[in-house]
Amino acid sequence: MTDQLTKLRARKAATDYIEGDRLRKEAAQLCDSSLAGKFEVSVNVIRQAINGLPVRKLDEADAALVRECHQEFRRLSLRAEALTLRKLARHYQVEPDDVLLQLDFMGHEITRPTGRPQKVTA
């Protein structure tokens, strides 16, 4: 980092990245497998409820809640997708390493995704 303007842009990118990290954590609480654990049913039952199919193991109110949770998951995931390190660095015209340095100064630990990434369908 050479000038103050670059530092300010990298800091703004780091702030946006932290917001994206928060959104990713919220979305993880609403993914299919997490919902299956909360409702104590299989992931297939959750997916059937999301698709509006009749489900014996969930009453209609719970199935509606699952569909609402899935809509919120999609909304959070799409917003968080725009707030990745690479996209923010490109948007603010700074190097990813500059953003990482600002994140380090801010005391934020970068969380790397575990497992296979979730696909979001429109």
Protein backbone atom coordinates (compact mmCIF):
# COMPACT_ATOMS: atom_id res chain seq x y z
CA MET A 1 0.00 0.00 0.00
CA THR A 2 1.45 3.26 -1.05
CA ASP A 3 -1.01 6.06 -0.54
CA GLN A 4 -3.77 7.03 1.84
CA LEU A 5 -6.51 6.62 -0.73
CA THR A 6 -5.54 2.99 -1.29
CA LYS A 7 -5.59 2.42 2.47
CA LEU A 8 -9.06 3.93 2.74
CA ARG A 9 -10.39 1.83 -0.14
CA ALA A 10 -8.84 -1.31 1.35
CA ARG A 11 -10.37 -0.49 4.74
CA LYS A 12 -13.82 -0.03 3.17
CA ALA A 13 -13.39 -3.36 1.35
CA ALA A 14 -12.41 -5.00 4.65
CA THR A 15 -15.50 -3.55 6.35
CA ASP A 16 -17.70 -4.89 3.55
CA TYR A 17 -15.95 -8.27 3.78
CA ILE A 18 -16.78 -8.46 7.49
CA GLU A 19 -20.43 -7.78 6.63
CA GLY A 20 -20.28 -10.57 4.03
CA ASP A 21 -18.74 -12.90 6.59
CA ARG A 22 -21.64 -12.16 8.95
CA LEU A 23 -24.14 -12.88 6.16
CA ARG A 24 -22.40 -16.17 5.33
CA LYS A 25 -22.63 -17.26 8.96
CA GLU A 26 -26.34 -16.38 9.11
CA ALA A 27 -26.98 -18.25 5.85
CA ALA A 28 -25.20 -21.33 7.22
CA GLN A 29 -27.79 -21.46 10.00
CA LEU A 30 -30.54 -21.73 7.37
CA CYS A 31 -29.04 -24.26 4.95
CA ASP A 32 -30.94 -27.49 4.24
CA SER A 33 -28.82 -29.67 6.52
CA SER A 34 -29.10 -27.18 9.39
CA LEU A 35 -32.87 -27.01 8.99
CA ALA A 36 -33.02 -30.81 8.91
CA GLY A 37 -31.23 -30.93 12.25
CA LYS A 38 -33.47 -28.29 13.79
CA PHE A 39 -36.67 -30.01 12.68
CA GLU A 40 -35.23 -33.48 13.37
CA VAL A 41 -36.00 -34.80 9.88
CA SER A 42 -33.87 -35.77 6.89
CA VAL A 43 -32.54 -33.35 4.30
CA ASN A 44 -34.83 -35.00 1.73
CA VAL A 45 -37.89 -34.09 3.82
CA ILE A 46 -36.66 -30.48 4.00
CA ARG A 47 -36.17 -30.37 0.23
CA GLN A 48 -39.65 -31.80 -0.34
CA ALA A 49 -41.12 -29.11 1.90
CA ILE A 50 -39.16 -26.42 0.03
CA ASN A 51 -40.55 -27.69 -3.27
CA GLY A 52 -44.09 -27.58 -1.89
CA LEU A 53 -44.61 -31.33 -1.90
CA PRO A 54 -46.74 -32.93 0.82
CA VAL A 55 -44.64 -34.09 3.75
CA ARG A 56 -45.88 -36.45 6.44
CA LYS A 57 -43.20 -35.65 8.98
CA LEU A 58 -43.91 -31.89 9.05
CA ASP A 59 -47.22 -30.18 9.56
CA GLU A 60 -48.23 -27.39 7.17
CA ALA A 61 -47.08 -24.61 9.51
CA ASP A 62 -43.61 -26.14 9.82
CA ALA A 63 -43.42 -26.72 6.05
CA ALA A 64 -44.29 -23.04 5.48
CA LEU A 65 -41.60 -22.04 7.98
CA VAL A 66 -39.06 -24.21 6.13
CA ARG A 67 -39.97 -22.47 2.86
CA GLU A 68 -39.56 -19.05 4.49
CA CYS A 69 -36.19 -20.07 5.94
CA HIS A 70 -35.06 -21.27 2.53
CA GLN A 71 -36.07 -17.95 0.93
CA GLU A 72 -34.06 -16.11 3.59
CA PHE A 73 -31.11 -18.47 3.00
CA ARG A 74 -31.17 -17.66 -0.72
CA ARG A 75 -31.40 -13.92 -0.05
CA LEU A 76 -28.48 -13.97 2.40
CA SER A 77 -26.36 -16.21 0.16
CA LEU A 78 -26.83 -14.02 -2.89
CA ARG A 79 -25.91 -10.89 -0.95
CA ALA A 80 -22.88 -12.58 0.64
CA GLU A 81 -21.72 -13.81 -2.77
CA ALA A 82 -21.12 -10.19 -3.80
CA LEU A 83 -19.02 -9.57 -0.68
CA THR A 84 -16.17 -12.01 -1.24
CA LEU A 85 -12.56 -10.95 -0.91
CA ARG A 86 -11.83 -11.24 -4.62
CA LYS A 87 -14.94 -9.31 -5.73
CA LEU A 88 -14.45 -6.56 -3.17
CA ALA A 89 -10.79 -6.12 -4.09
CA ARG A 90 -11.78 -5.78 -7.74
CA HIS A 91 -14.62 -3.37 -6.94
CA TYR A 92 -12.47 -1.10 -4.78
CA GLN A 93 -9.46 -1.46 -7.10
CA VAL A 94 -7.07 -2.71 -4.45
CA GLU A 95 -5.01 -5.86 -4.06
CA PRO A 96 -6.53 -8.71 -2.01
CA ASP A 97 -3.40 -8.64 0.17
CA ASP A 98 -4.17 -5.01 1.07
CA VAL A 99 -7.65 -6.02 2.19
CA LEU A 100 -6.22 -8.94 4.18
CA LEU A 101 -3.79 -6.56 5.86
CA GLN A 102 -6.64 -4.24 6.86
CA LEU A 103 -8.64 -7.21 8.16
CA ASP A 104 -5.62 -8.15 10.26
CA PHE A 105 -5.37 -4.59 11.61
CA MET A 106 -9.07 -4.72 12.47
CA GLY A 107 -8.55 -7.99 14.37
CA HIS A 108 -10.86 -9.99 12.12
CA GLU A 109 -10.04 -13.63 11.54
CA ILE A 110 -10.87 -14.87 8.07
CA THR A 111 -13.11 -17.90 8.10
CA ARG A 112 -12.58 -20.29 5.23
CA PRO A 113 -15.56 -22.33 4.07
CA THR A 114 -15.54 -25.99 5.00
CA GLY A 115 -16.97 -28.76 2.90
CA ARG A 116 -18.55 -28.40 -0.47
CA PRO A 117 -19.88 -24.93 -1.35
CA GLN A 118 -23.65 -24.44 -1.39
CA LYS A 119 -25.22 -23.82 -4.79
CA VAL A 120 -27.82 -21.10 -4.89
CA THR A 121 -30.47 -21.51 -7.54
CA ALA A 122 -32.54 -18.58 -8.68
